[in-house]
PDB file of N, CA and C in Angstrom:
ATOM      1  N   UNK A   1     104.606  35.518 129.593  1.00  0.00           N
ATOM      2  CA  UNK A   1     105.734  36.344 129.925  1.00  0.00           C
ATOM      3  C   UNK A   1     106.718  36.318 128.759  1.00  0.00           C
ATOM      4  N   UNK A   2     107.229  37.485 128.405  1.00  0.00           N
ATOM      5  CA  UNK A   2     108.176  37.595 127.308  1.00  0.00           C
ATOM      6  C   UNK A   2     109.601  37.414 127.821  1.00  0.00           C
ATOM      7  N   UNK A   3     110.411  36.675 127.065  1.00  0.00           N
ATOM      8  CA  UNK A   3     111.816  36.496 127.406  1.00  0.00           C
ATOM      9  C   UNK A   3     112.671  36.851 126.209  1.00  0.00           C
ATOM     10  N   UNK A   4     113.929  37.122 126.483  1.00  0.00           N
ATOM     11  CA  UNK A   4     114.902  37.359 125.418  1.00  0.00           C
ATOM     12  C   UNK A   4     116.232  36.781 125.867  1.00  0.00           C
ATOM     13  N   UNK A   5     117.067  36.484 124.893  1.00  0.00           N
ATOM     14  CA  UNK A   5     118.402  35.974 125.169  1.00  0.00           C
ATOM     15  C   UNK A   5     119.413  36.950 124.589  1.00  0.00           C
ATOM     16  N   UNK A   6     120.334  37.382 125.428  1.00  0.00           N
ATOM     17  CA  UNK A   6     121.415  38.250 124.989  1.00  0.00           C
ATOM     18  C   UNK A   6     122.693  37.415 124.958  1.00  0.00           C
ATOM     19  N   UNK A   7     123.397  37.462 123.838  1.00  0.00           N
ATOM     20  CA  UNK A   7     124.622  36.698 123.678  1.00  0.00           C
ATOM     21  C   UNK A   7     125.809  37.648 123.634  1.00  0.00           C
ATOM     22  N   UNK A   8     126.872  37.262 124.328  1.00  0.00           N
ATOM     23  CA  UNK A   8     128.096  38.060 124.322  1.00  0.00           C
ATOM     24  C   UNK A   8     129.290  37.120 124.345  1.00  0.00           C
ATOM     25  N   UNK A   9     130.423  37.643 123.996  1.00  0.00           N
ATOM     26  CA  UNK A   9     131.658  36.872 124.026  1.00  0.00           C
ATOM     27  C   UNK A   9     132.574  37.463 125.081  1.00  0.00           C
ATOM     28  N   UNK A  10     133.111  36.601 125.928  1.00  0.00           N
ATOM     29  CA  UNK A  10     134.090  37.035 126.925  1.00  0.00           C
ATOM     30  C   UNK A  10     135.430  36.411 126.569  1.00  0.00           C
ATOM     31  N   UNK A  11     136.500  37.079 126.934  1.00  0.00           N
ATOM     32  CA  UNK A  11     137.850  36.599 126.602  1.00  0.00           C
ATOM     33  C   UNK A  11     138.674  36.420 127.869  1.00  0.00           C
ATOM     34  N   UNK A  12     139.309  35.266 127.958  1.00  0.00           N
ATOM     35  CA  UNK A  12     140.245  34.990 129.037  1.00  0.00           C
ATOM     36  C   UNK A  12     141.643  34.867 128.441  1.00  0.00           C
ATOM     37  N   UNK A  13     142.623  35.534 129.049  1.00  0.00           N
ATOM     38  CA  UNK A  13     144.004  35.473 128.564  1.00  0.00           C
ATOM     39  C   UNK A  13     144.804  34.372 129.253  1.00  0.00           C
ATOM     40  N   UNK A  14     144.250  33.828 130.341  1.00  0.00           N
ATOM     41  CA  UNK A  14     144.923  32.779 131.104  1.00  0.00           C
ATOM     42  C   UNK A  14     143.911  31.682 131.424  1.00  0.00           C
ATOM     43  N   UNK A  15     144.383  30.478 131.777  1.00  0.00           N
ATOM     44  CA  UNK A  15     143.450  29.442 132.218  1.00  0.00           C
ATOM     45  C   UNK A  15     142.615  29.957 133.387  1.00  0.00           C
ATOM     46  N   UNK A  16     141.362  29.503 133.481  1.00  0.00           N
ATOM     47  CA  UNK A  16     140.467  30.010 134.515  1.00  0.00           C
ATOM     48  C   UNK A  16     139.560  28.910 135.039  1.00  0.00           C
ATOM     49  N   UNK A  17     139.015  29.158 136.224  1.00  0.00           N
ATOM     50  CA  UNK A  17     137.995  28.288 136.799  1.00  0.00           C
ATOM     51  C   UNK A  17     136.822  29.164 137.196  1.00  0.00           C
ATOM     52  N   UNK A  18     135.673  28.543 137.307  1.00  0.00           N
ATOM     53  CA  UNK A  18     134.471  29.231 137.772  1.00  0.00           C
ATOM     54  C   UNK A  18     133.970  28.510 139.001  1.00  0.00           C
ATOM     55  N   UNK A  19     133.706  29.265 140.043  1.00  0.00           N
ATOM     56  CA  UNK A  19     133.211  28.705 141.290  1.00  0.00           C
ATOM     57  C   UNK A  19     131.946  27.874 141.016  1.00  0.00           C
ATOM     58  N   UNK A  20     131.923  26.671 141.546  1.00  0.00           N
ATOM     59  CA  UNK A  20     130.744  25.823 141.409  1.00  0.00           C
ATOM     60  C   UNK A  20     130.632  25.088 140.080  1.00  0.00           C
ATOM     61  N   UNK A  21     131.640  25.223 139.209  1.00  0.00           N
ATOM     62  CA  UNK A  21     131.603  24.558 137.900  1.00  0.00           C
ATOM     63  C   UNK A  21     132.725  23.534 137.836  1.00  0.00           C
ATOM     64  N   UNK A  22     132.358  22.296 137.563  1.00  0.00           N
ATOM     65  CA  UNK A  22     133.343  21.228 137.447  1.00  0.00           C
ATOM     66  C   UNK A  22     134.009  21.288 136.077  1.00  0.00           C
ATOM     67  N   UNK A  23     135.164  20.642 135.965  1.00  0.00           N
ATOM     68  CA  UNK A  23     135.803  20.506 134.669  1.00  0.00           C
ATOM     69  C   UNK A  23     136.899  21.503 134.396  1.00  0.00           C
ATOM     70  N   UNK A  24     137.116  22.469 135.267  1.00  0.00           N
ATOM     71  CA  UNK A  24     138.169  23.452 135.035  1.00  0.00           C
ATOM     72  C   UNK A  24     139.502  22.918 135.504  1.00  0.00           C
ATOM     73  N   UNK A  25     140.560  23.634 135.287  1.00  0.00           N
ATOM     74  CA  UNK A  25     140.559  24.940 134.648  1.00  0.00           C
ATOM     75  C   UNK A  25     140.322  24.832 133.140  1.00  0.00           C
ATOM     76  N   UNK A  26     139.717  25.880 132.610  1.00  0.00           N
ATOM     77  CA  UNK A  26     139.455  25.960 131.180  1.00  0.00           C
ATOM     78  C   UNK A  26     140.566  26.764 130.516  1.00  0.00           C
ATOM     79  N   UNK A  27     140.880  26.454 129.272  1.00  0.00           N
ATOM     80  CA  UNK A  27     141.983  27.147 128.596  1.00  0.00           C
ATOM     81  C   UNK A  27     141.631  28.594 128.244  1.00  0.00           C
ATOM     82  N   UNK A  28     142.651  29.424 128.049  1.00  0.00           N
ATOM     83  CA  UNK A  28     142.400  30.795 127.611  1.00  0.00           C
ATOM     84  C   UNK A  28     141.674  30.800 126.275  1.00  0.00           C
ATOM     85  N   UNK A  29     140.995  31.894 125.996  1.00  0.00           N
ATOM     86  CA  UNK A  29     140.307  32.017 124.714  1.00  0.00           C
ATOM     87  C   UNK A  29     139.001  32.770 124.850  1.00  0.00           C
ATOM     88  N   UNK A  30     138.216  32.724 123.774  1.00  0.00           N
ATOM     89  CA  UNK A  30     136.915  33.383 123.730  1.00  0.00           C
ATOM     90  C   UNK A  30     135.825  32.383 124.089  1.00  0.00           C
ATOM     91  N   UNK A  31     134.869  32.836 124.886  1.00  0.00           N
ATOM     92  CA  UNK A  31     133.767  31.989 125.320  1.00  0.00           C
ATOM     93  C   UNK A  31     132.448  32.723 125.112  1.00  0.00           C
ATOM     94  N   UNK A  32     131.467  31.992 124.600  1.00  0.00           N
ATOM     95  CA  UNK A  32     130.138  32.564 124.383  1.00  0.00           C
ATOM     96  C   UNK A  32     129.333  32.447 125.677  1.00  0.00           C
ATOM     97  N   UNK A  33     128.743  33.574 126.076  1.00  0.00           N
ATOM     98  CA  UNK A  33     127.921  33.635 127.282  1.00  0.00           C
ATOM     99  C   UNK A  33     126.529  34.090 126.867  1.00  0.00           C
ATOM    100  N   UNK A  34     125.518  33.419 127.385  1.00  0.00           N
ATOM    101  CA  UNK A  34     124.127  33.799 127.110  1.00  0.00           C
ATOM    102  C   UNK A  34     123.443  34.204 128.410  1.00  0.00           C
ATOM    103  N   UNK A  35     122.779  35.351 128.357  1.00  0.00           N
ATOM    104  CA  UNK A  35     121.977  35.831 129.481  1.00  0.00           C
ATOM    105  C   UNK A  35     120.511  35.749 129.072  1.00  0.00           C
ATOM    106  N   UNK A  36     119.752  34.946 129.786  1.00  0.00           N
ATOM    107  CA  UNK A  36     118.308  34.830 129.561  1.00  0.00           C
ATOM    108  C   UNK A  36     117.630  35.870 130.439  1.00  0.00           C
ATOM    109  N   UNK A  37     116.790  36.705 129.827  1.00  0.00           N
ATOM    110  CA  UNK A  37     116.123  37.769 130.562  1.00  0.00           C
ATOM    111  C   UNK A  37     114.617  37.659 130.395  1.00  0.00           C
ATOM    112  N   UNK A  38     113.918  38.021 131.441  1.00  0.00           N
ATOM    113  CA  UNK A  38     112.463  37.953 131.484  1.00  0.00           C
ATOM    114  C   UNK A  38     111.918  39.373 131.640  1.00  0.00           C
ATOM    115  N   UNK A  39     110.891  39.680 130.860  1.00  0.00           N
ATOM    116  CA  UNK A  39     110.293  41.008 130.946  1.00  0.00           C
ATOM    117  C   UNK A  39     109.604  41.198 132.286  1.00  0.00           C
ATOM    118  N   UNK A  40     109.828  42.359 132.880  1.00  0.00           N
ATOM    119  CA  UNK A  40     109.166  42.709 134.135  1.00  0.00           C
ATOM    120  C   UNK A  40     107.825  43.341 133.779  1.00  0.00           C
ATOM    121  N   UNK A  41     106.760  42.789 134.307  1.00  0.00           N
ATOM    122  CA  UNK A  41     105.432  43.317 134.009  1.00  0.00           C
ATOM    123  C   UNK A  41     104.931  44.167 135.174  1.00  0.00           C
ATOM    124  N   UNK A  42     103.946  44.985 134.878  1.00  0.00           N
ATOM    125  CA  UNK A  42     103.321  45.785 135.920  1.00  0.00           C
ATOM    126  C   UNK A  42     103.988  47.122 136.173  1.00  0.00           C
ATOM    127  N   UNK A  43     104.932  47.495 135.317  1.00  0.00           N
ATOM    128  CA  UNK A  43     105.550  48.817 135.444  1.00  0.00           C
ATOM    129  C   UNK A  43     105.296  49.583 134.153  1.00  0.00           C
ATOM    130  N   UNK A  44     105.495  50.900 134.189  1.00  0.00           N
ATOM    131  CA  UNK A  44     105.117  51.731 133.044  1.00  0.00           C
ATOM    132  C   UNK A  44     106.205  51.851 131.979  1.00  0.00           C
ATOM    133  N   UNK A  45     107.320  51.169 132.138  1.00  0.00           N
ATOM    134  CA  UNK A  45     108.371  51.190 131.125  1.00  0.00           C
ATOM    135  C   UNK A  45     108.835  49.765 130.872  1.00  0.00           C
ATOM    136  N   UNK A  46     109.497  49.568 129.744  1.00  0.00           N
ATOM    137  CA  UNK A  46     109.979  48.246 129.364  1.00  0.00           C
ATOM    138  C   UNK A  46     111.262  47.942 130.113  1.00  0.00           C
ATOM    139  N   UNK A  47     111.255  46.857 130.858  1.00  0.00           N
ATOM    140  CA  UNK A  47     112.432  46.463 131.625  1.00  0.00           C
ATOM    141  C   UNK A  47     112.503  44.941 131.683  1.00  0.00           C
ATOM    142  N   UNK A  48     113.738  44.446 131.808  1.00  0.00           N
ATOM    143  CA  UNK A  48     113.976  43.005 131.892  1.00  0.00           C
ATOM    144  C   UNK A  48     114.843  42.712 133.106  1.00  0.00           C
ATOM    145  N   UNK A  49     114.715  41.489 133.618  1.00  0.00           N
ATOM    146  CA  UNK A  49     115.608  41.029 134.678  1.00  0.00           C
ATOM    147  C   UNK A  49     116.264  39.736 134.210  1.00  0.00           C
ATOM    148  N   UNK A  50     117.524  39.572 134.580  1.00  0.00           N
ATOM    149  CA  UNK A  50     118.256  38.364 134.190  1.00  0.00           C
ATOM    150  C   UNK A  50     117.778  37.211 135.056  1.00  0.00           C
ATOM    151  N   UNK A  51     117.443  36.092 134.416  1.00  0.00           N
ATOM    152  CA  UNK A  51     116.964  34.922 135.152  1.00  0.00           C
ATOM    153  C   UNK A  51     117.908  33.729 135.026  1.00  0.00           C
ATOM    154  N   UNK A  52     118.839  33.768 134.057  1.00  0.00           N
ATOM    155  CA  UNK A  52     119.799  32.675 133.897  1.00  0.00           C
ATOM    156  C   UNK A  52     120.986  33.153 133.066  1.00  0.00           C
ATOM    157  N   UNK A  53     122.160  32.591 133.385  1.00  0.00           N
ATOM    158  CA  UNK A  53     123.368  32.872 132.615  1.00  0.00           C
ATOM    159  C   UNK A  53     124.050  31.542 132.346  1.00  0.00           C
ATOM    160  N   UNK A  54     124.492  31.348 131.105  1.00  0.00           N
ATOM    161  CA  UNK A  54     125.207  30.124 130.737  1.00  0.00           C
ATOM    162  C   UNK A  54     126.479  30.489 129.985  1.00  0.00           C
ATOM    163  N   UNK A  55     127.466  29.592 130.051  1.00  0.00           N
ATOM    164  CA  UNK A  55     128.699  29.744 129.292  1.00  0.00           C
ATOM    165  C   UNK A  55     128.889  28.477 128.475  1.00  0.00           C
ATOM    166  N   UNK A  56     129.364  28.648 127.253  1.00  0.00           N
ATOM    167  CA  UNK A  56     129.597  27.503 126.368  1.00  0.00           C
ATOM    168  C   UNK A  56     131.046  27.066 126.505  1.00  0.00           C
ATOM    169  N   UNK A  57     131.245  25.807 126.895  1.00  0.00           N
ATOM    170  CA  UNK A  57     132.595  25.261 127.035  1.00  0.00           C
ATOM    171  C   UNK A  57     132.708  23.988 126.205  1.00  0.00           C
ATOM    172  N   UNK A  58     133.930  23.731 125.748  1.00  0.00           N
ATOM    173  CA  UNK A  58     134.196  22.534 124.961  1.00  0.00           C
ATOM    174  C   UNK A  58     135.237  21.699 125.680  1.00  0.00           C
ATOM    175  N   UNK A  59     134.928  20.433 125.859  1.00  0.00           N
ATOM    176  CA  UNK A  59     135.855  19.469 126.440  1.00  0.00           C
ATOM    177  C   UNK A  59     135.971  18.312 125.461  1.00  0.00           C
ATOM    178  N   UNK A  60     137.148  18.164 124.883  1.00  0.00           N
ATOM    179  CA  UNK A  60     137.308  17.145 123.847  1.00  0.00           C
ATOM    180  C   UNK A  60     136.487  17.537 122.637  1.00  0.00           C
ATOM    181  N   UNK A  61     135.569  16.668 122.239  1.00  0.00           N
ATOM    182  CA  UNK A  61     134.704  16.987 121.092  1.00  0.00           C
ATOM    183  C   UNK A  61     133.270  17.288 121.527  1.00  0.00           C
ATOM    184  N   UNK A  62     133.072  17.541 122.827  1.00  0.00           N
ATOM    185  CA  UNK A  62     131.745  17.809 123.360  1.00  0.00           C
ATOM    186  C   UNK A  62     131.631  19.268 123.801  1.00  0.00           C
ATOM    187  N   UNK A  63     130.614  19.954 123.286  1.00  0.00           N
ATOM    188  CA  UNK A  63     130.341  21.333 123.663  1.00  0.00           C
ATOM    189  C   UNK A  63     129.106  21.358 124.549  1.00  0.00           C
ATOM    190  N   UNK A  64     129.201  22.091 125.661  1.00  0.00           N
ATOM    191  CA  UNK A  64     128.097  22.156 126.616  1.00  0.00           C
ATOM    192  C   UNK A  64     127.816  23.596 127.007  1.00  0.00           C
ATOM    193  N   UNK A  65     126.547  23.873 127.310  1.00  0.00           N
ATOM    194  CA  UNK A  65     126.157  25.131 127.933  1.00  0.00           C
ATOM    195  C   UNK A  65     126.011  24.850 129.418  1.00  0.00           C
ATOM    196  N   UNK A  66     126.768  25.565 130.244  1.00  0.00           N
ATOM    197  CA  UNK A  66     126.780  25.328 131.682  1.00  0.00           C
ATOM    198  C   UNK A  66     126.164  26.529 132.380  1.00  0.00           C
ATOM    199  N   UNK A  67     125.209  26.265 133.273  1.00  0.00           N
ATOM    200  CA  UNK A  67     124.623  27.333 134.082  1.00  0.00           C
ATOM    201  C   UNK A  67     125.671  27.864 135.041  1.00  0.00           C
ATOM    202  N   UNK A  68     125.792  29.189 135.100  1.00  0.00           N
ATOM    203  CA  UNK A  68     126.760  29.815 135.995  1.00  0.00           C
ATOM    204  C   UNK A  68     126.110  30.988 136.708  1.00  0.00           C
ATOM    205  N   UNK A  69     126.740  31.393 137.791  1.00  0.00           N
ATOM    206  CA  UNK A  69     126.343  32.609 138.498  1.00  0.00           C
ATOM    207  C   UNK A  69     127.075  33.765 137.814  1.00  0.00           C
ATOM    208  N   UNK A  70     126.357  34.772 137.344  1.00  0.00           N
ATOM    209  CA  UNK A  70     127.027  35.876 136.639  1.00  0.00           C
ATOM    210  C   UNK A  70     128.049  36.600 137.516  1.00  0.00           C
ATOM    211  N   UNK A  71     127.855  36.602 138.824  1.00  0.00           N
ATOM    212  CA  UNK A  71     128.840  37.229 139.715  1.00  0.00           C
ATOM    213  C   UNK A  71     130.142  36.438 139.738  1.00  0.00           C
ATOM    214  N   UNK A  72     130.051  35.104 139.634  1.00  0.00           N
ATOM    215  CA  UNK A  72     131.260  34.275 139.563  1.00  0.00           C
ATOM    216  C   UNK A  72     132.000  34.523 138.256  1.00  0.00           C
ATOM    217  N   UNK A  73     131.267  34.702 137.172  1.00  0.00           N
ATOM    218  CA  UNK A  73     131.894  35.024 135.894  1.00  0.00           C
ATOM    219  C   UNK A  73     132.597  36.372 135.980  1.00  0.00           C
ATOM    220  N   UNK A  74     131.928  37.361 136.549  1.00  0.00           N
ATOM    221  CA  UNK A  74     132.545  38.685 136.706  1.00  0.00           C
ATOM    222  C   UNK A  74     133.832  38.590 137.527  1.00  0.00           C
ATOM    223  N   UNK A  75     133.806  37.799 138.591  1.00  0.00           N
ATOM    224  CA  UNK A  75     134.996  37.641 139.442  1.00  0.00           C
ATOM    225  C   UNK A  75     136.132  36.977 138.678  1.00  0.00           C
ATOM    226  N   UNK A  76     135.825  35.953 137.873  1.00  0.00           N
ATOM    227  CA  UNK A  76     136.854  35.266 137.082  1.00  0.00           C
ATOM    228  C   UNK A  76     137.440  36.207 136.026  1.00  0.00           C
ATOM    229  N   UNK A  77     136.591  37.015 135.398  1.00  0.00           N
ATOM    230  CA  UNK A  77     137.078  37.977 134.402  1.00  0.00           C
ATOM    231  C   UNK A  77     137.960  39.039 135.056  1.00  0.00           C
ATOM    232  N   UNK A  78     137.598  39.488 136.240  1.00  0.00           N
ATOM    233  CA  UNK A  78     138.408  40.481 136.955  1.00  0.00           C
ATOM    234  C   UNK A  78     139.754  39.880 137.346  1.00  0.00           C
ATOM    235  N   UNK A  79     139.746  38.644 137.825  1.00  0.00           N
ATOM    236  CA  UNK A  79     140.996  37.966 138.172  1.00  0.00           C
ATOM    237  C   UNK A  79     141.882  37.827 136.943  1.00  0.00           C
ATOM    238  N   UNK A  80     141.292  37.481 135.811  1.00  0.00           N
ATOM    239  CA  UNK A  80     142.039  37.363 134.560  1.00  0.00           C
ATOM    240  C   UNK A  80     142.628  38.715 134.160  1.00  0.00           C
ATOM    241  N   UNK A  81     141.846  39.774 134.319  1.00  0.00           N
ATOM    242  CA  UNK A  81     142.321  41.112 133.963  1.00  0.00           C
ATOM    243  C   UNK A  81     143.518  41.499 134.830  1.00  0.00           C
ATOM    244  N   UNK A  82     143.429  41.226 136.130  1.00  0.00           N
ATOM    245  CA  UNK A  82     144.528  41.542 137.046  1.00  0.00           C
ATOM    246  C   UNK A  82     145.769  40.742 136.677  1.00  0.00           C
ATOM    247  N   UNK A  83     145.604  39.448 136.426  1.00  0.00           N
ATOM    248  CA  UNK A  83     146.739  38.604 136.044  1.00  0.00           C
ATOM    249  C   UNK A  83     147.397  39.083 134.761  1.00  0.00           C
ATOM    250  N   UNK A  84     146.586  39.487 133.793  1.00  0.00           N
ATOM    251  CA  UNK A  84     147.149  39.919 132.515  1.00  0.00           C
ATOM    252  C   UNK A  84     147.903  41.233 132.645  1.00  0.00           C
ATOM    253  N   UNK A  85     147.502  42.113 133.557  1.00  0.00           N
ATOM    254  CA  UNK A  85     148.210  43.377 133.733  1.00  0.00           C
ATOM    255  C   UNK A  85     149.504  43.164 134.524  1.00  0.00           C
ATOM    256  N   UNK A  86     149.557  42.128 135.365  1.00  0.00           N
ATOM    257  CA  UNK A  86     150.765  41.839 136.124  1.00  0.00           C
ATOM    258  C   UNK A  86     151.861  41.241 135.248  1.00  0.00           C
ATOM    259  N   UNK A  87     151.454  40.520 134.206  1.00  0.00           N
ATOM    260  CA  UNK A  87     152.433  39.866 133.330  1.00  0.00           C
ATOM    261  C   UNK A  87     152.819  40.735 132.142  1.00  0.00           C
ATOM    262  N   UNK A  88     152.176  41.876 131.987  1.00  0.00           N
ATOM    263  CA  UNK A  88     152.491  42.757 130.856  1.00  0.00           C
ATOM    264  C   UNK A  88     153.701  43.596 131.140  1.00  0.00           C
TER     265      UNK A  88
END
């Protein structure tokens, strides 16, 4: 089975937490997110499905990749967006 990793950067303007992730709140800033995708076989076109999402966080001098639910990340980003528009 073929897999690929897509990397993106997300930005938080305020401290944030992620449901199910210990160690928060995390400070505002840019965070690297990786989506691991697996090729779907048995169909007539090239398609992938996401099988894992991780976010890179730093605590002290230790950097970790933490498995997260992409829906929880989307919710945290939306909350951050709402907060930033309220303070503008």
